[in-house]
Each structure stands twice: as C-alpha cells, then as structure tokens.
Amino acid sequence: QVQLVESGGGLVQAGGSLRLSCAASGRIFIIKTMGWYRQAPGKQRELVALITNRGSTNYADSVKGRFTISRDNAKNTVYLQMDSLKPEDTAVYYCNLRMGLTIEHEYWGQGTQVTVSS
C-alpha cells in the first residue's frame, strides 16, 4: 500500500505565498507522475499541476506563472510553491500519484485546506 502525506496548507492573504509538500511512502515502484489537484466548494476536482518522472510539467491555465511544481525523487516528495495567491485559489488541495507500467495504480492524499482571504 502507498500513503501520501500532505502538509503546508493554511490561511494566507491575497498576494501571499504558500508551499505544499506531499511525501509518498510504502510500496512505491515506477512512478509516472505526481501532481496536485484542488476542489473548491460546489465545484469538481481539477488539475492544478503535474510533474512526470522525467521532470516535464503541466499547469492549469489559471495558475501558470504563479505556481511552481517540483519533485525530489530521492525522497518521493512533490512540492507546490504557490505565489501571488488569489481568493479563487481557495480549495482543498489533494496530492496525486500514478505509478506502474502495464497497470496504472493511482493514489490520493487526504487533502489540505488552502484559504486565501481578500
């Protein structure tokens, strides 16, 4: 089994910064991607940022230029640096991990609340 433990959420004023971390542990083998999704009240969960095992990244248009995803492969940890935060960034942020070759396994963290006040 795989566990994802997130940290770094909290309350921040608009224009501020937060850094989220997600550490994966357990039976980890070929990681394909690690990433962050978010879900605001009354909305569907959406992709925020993704990083592949080769370091390629993908961002939602709404966060491009403000958020940066990075990864420490040795620690199986993914980070999300969030700058210039806006009230519309308020959501529960979930860490996601996909691994495997022929069969893909997907895991989710428990979520961490990010609240941006105006």
Protein backbone atom coordinates (compact mmCIF):
# COMPACT_ATOMS: atom_id res chain seq x y z
CA GLN A 1 0.00 0.00 0.00
CA VAL A 2 1.03 3.58 -0.59
CA GLN A 3 0.50 6.57 1.68
CA LEU A 4 0.60 10.22 0.67
CA VAL A 5 1.04 12.74 3.45
CA GLU A 6 0.43 16.38 2.63
CA SER A 7 1.45 19.45 4.57
CA GLY A 8 1.73 23.20 4.16
CA GLY A 9 -1.84 24.37 3.75
CA GLY A 10 -3.29 27.24 5.71
CA LEU A 11 -4.72 30.74 5.64
CA VAL A 12 -2.98 33.50 3.72
CA GLN A 13 -3.88 36.94 2.44
CA ALA A 14 -4.27 37.61 -1.25
CA GLY A 15 -0.88 38.15 -2.84
CA GLY A 16 0.83 35.90 -0.35
CA SER A 17 2.58 32.56 -0.77
CA LEU A 18 2.30 29.02 0.50
CA ARG A 19 4.29 25.88 -0.16
CA LEU A 20 2.63 22.49 -0.15
CA SER A 21 4.53 19.25 0.31
CA CYS A 22 3.48 15.67 -0.30
CA ALA A 23 5.60 12.74 0.77
CA ALA A 24 4.90 9.28 -0.60
CA SER A 25 5.78 6.14 1.33
CA GLY A 26 5.09 2.43 1.20
CA ARG A 27 5.32 0.06 -1.76
CA ILE A 28 6.46 2.56 -4.35
CA PHE A 29 7.83 1.43 -7.65
CA ILE A 30 7.74 3.03 -11.08
CA ILE A 31 6.29 6.49 -10.52
CA LYS A 32 4.83 8.00 -13.67
CA THR A 33 3.50 11.28 -12.37
CA MET A 34 2.99 13.20 -9.16
CA GLY A 35 0.72 16.16 -9.00
CA TRP A 36 -1.74 18.40 -7.27
CA TYR A 37 -5.48 18.74 -7.76
CA ARG A 38 -7.89 21.01 -5.97
CA GLN A 39 -11.57 21.10 -5.19
CA ALA A 40 -13.46 24.21 -4.18
CA PRO A 41 -16.91 24.00 -2.55
CA GLY A 42 -19.56 23.13 -5.10
CA LYS A 43 -17.02 22.53 -7.85
CA GLN A 44 -15.41 19.49 -9.42
CA ARG A 45 -11.89 18.47 -8.59
CA GLU A 46 -9.48 19.98 -11.11
CA LEU A 47 -5.86 19.55 -12.05
CA VAL A 48 -3.54 22.22 -10.72
CA ALA A 49 -0.10 20.94 -11.71
CA LEU A 50 1.58 17.71 -12.71
CA ILE A 51 5.19 16.56 -12.99
CA THR A 52 6.36 13.42 -14.77
CA ASN A 53 9.19 11.11 -13.80
CA ARG A 54 11.31 12.90 -16.40
CA GLY A 55 10.57 16.31 -14.93
CA SER A 56 8.10 17.55 -17.50
CA THR A 57 5.43 19.77 -16.03
CA ASN A 58 1.87 20.70 -16.84
CA TYR A 59 -0.15 23.50 -15.25
CA ALA A 60 -3.72 24.65 -15.27
CA ASP A 61 -4.03 27.92 -17.17
CA SER A 62 -5.35 29.64 -14.05
CA VAL A 63 -2.09 29.05 -12.13
CA LYS A 64 0.54 29.42 -14.86
CA GLY A 65 3.19 31.91 -13.87
CA ARG A 66 2.15 31.83 -10.20
CA PHE A 67 2.56 28.20 -9.12
CA THR A 68 5.62 26.00 -9.48
CA ILE A 69 5.66 22.23 -9.07
CA SER A 70 8.87 20.41 -8.24
CA ARG A 71 9.90 16.97 -7.13
CA ASP A 72 12.59 15.30 -5.05
CA ASN A 73 12.86 11.82 -6.50
CA ALA A 74 15.15 10.58 -3.74
CA LYS A 75 12.51 11.46 -1.14
CA ASN A 76 9.46 10.60 -3.28
CA THR A 77 8.20 14.06 -2.44
CA VAL A 78 6.43 16.61 -4.58
CA TYR A 79 6.12 20.30 -3.79
CA LEU A 80 3.83 23.07 -4.95
CA GLN A 81 5.10 26.60 -4.50
CA MET A 82 2.13 28.94 -4.72
CA ASP A 83 2.83 32.65 -5.16
CA SER A 84 0.58 35.63 -5.83
CA LEU A 85 -2.33 33.73 -4.35
CA LYS A 86 -5.85 34.84 -5.15
CA PRO A 87 -9.13 34.24 -3.29
CA GLU A 88 -10.20 31.97 -6.16
CA ASP A 89 -7.32 29.65 -5.27
CA THR A 90 -9.19 28.73 -2.08
CA ALA A 91 -9.83 24.99 -2.12
CA VAL A 92 -8.82 21.66 -0.66
CA TYR A 93 -5.62 20.61 -2.40
CA TYR A 94 -5.02 16.92 -3.00
CA CYS A 95 -1.77 15.19 -3.81
CA ASN A 96 -1.91 12.55 -6.54
CA LEU A 97 0.48 9.79 -7.51
CA ARG A 98 0.32 7.46 -10.51
CA MET A 99 2.70 4.56 -10.88
CA GLY A 100 3.11 1.29 -12.70
CA LEU A 101 3.88 0.15 -16.22
CA THR A 102 1.21 -2.02 -17.81
CA ILE A 103 -1.26 -1.46 -14.98
CA GLU A 104 -1.52 2.03 -13.55
CA HIS A 105 -2.07 2.49 -9.84
CA GLU A 106 -3.40 5.80 -8.57
CA TYR A 107 -3.29 7.17 -5.05
CA TRP A 108 -4.62 10.30 -3.36
CA GLY A 109 -3.65 12.21 -0.28
CA GLN A 110 -6.15 13.22 2.37
CA GLY A 111 -6.21 16.83 1.24
CA THR A 112 -5.01 20.07 2.77
CA GLN A 113 -7.06 23.25 3.02
CA VAL A 114 -5.78 26.42 1.39
CA THR A 115 -7.73 29.57 2.17
CA VAL A 116 -6.88 32.91 0.58
CA SER A 117 -8.52 35.96 2.09
CA SER A 118 -9.16 39.13 0.14
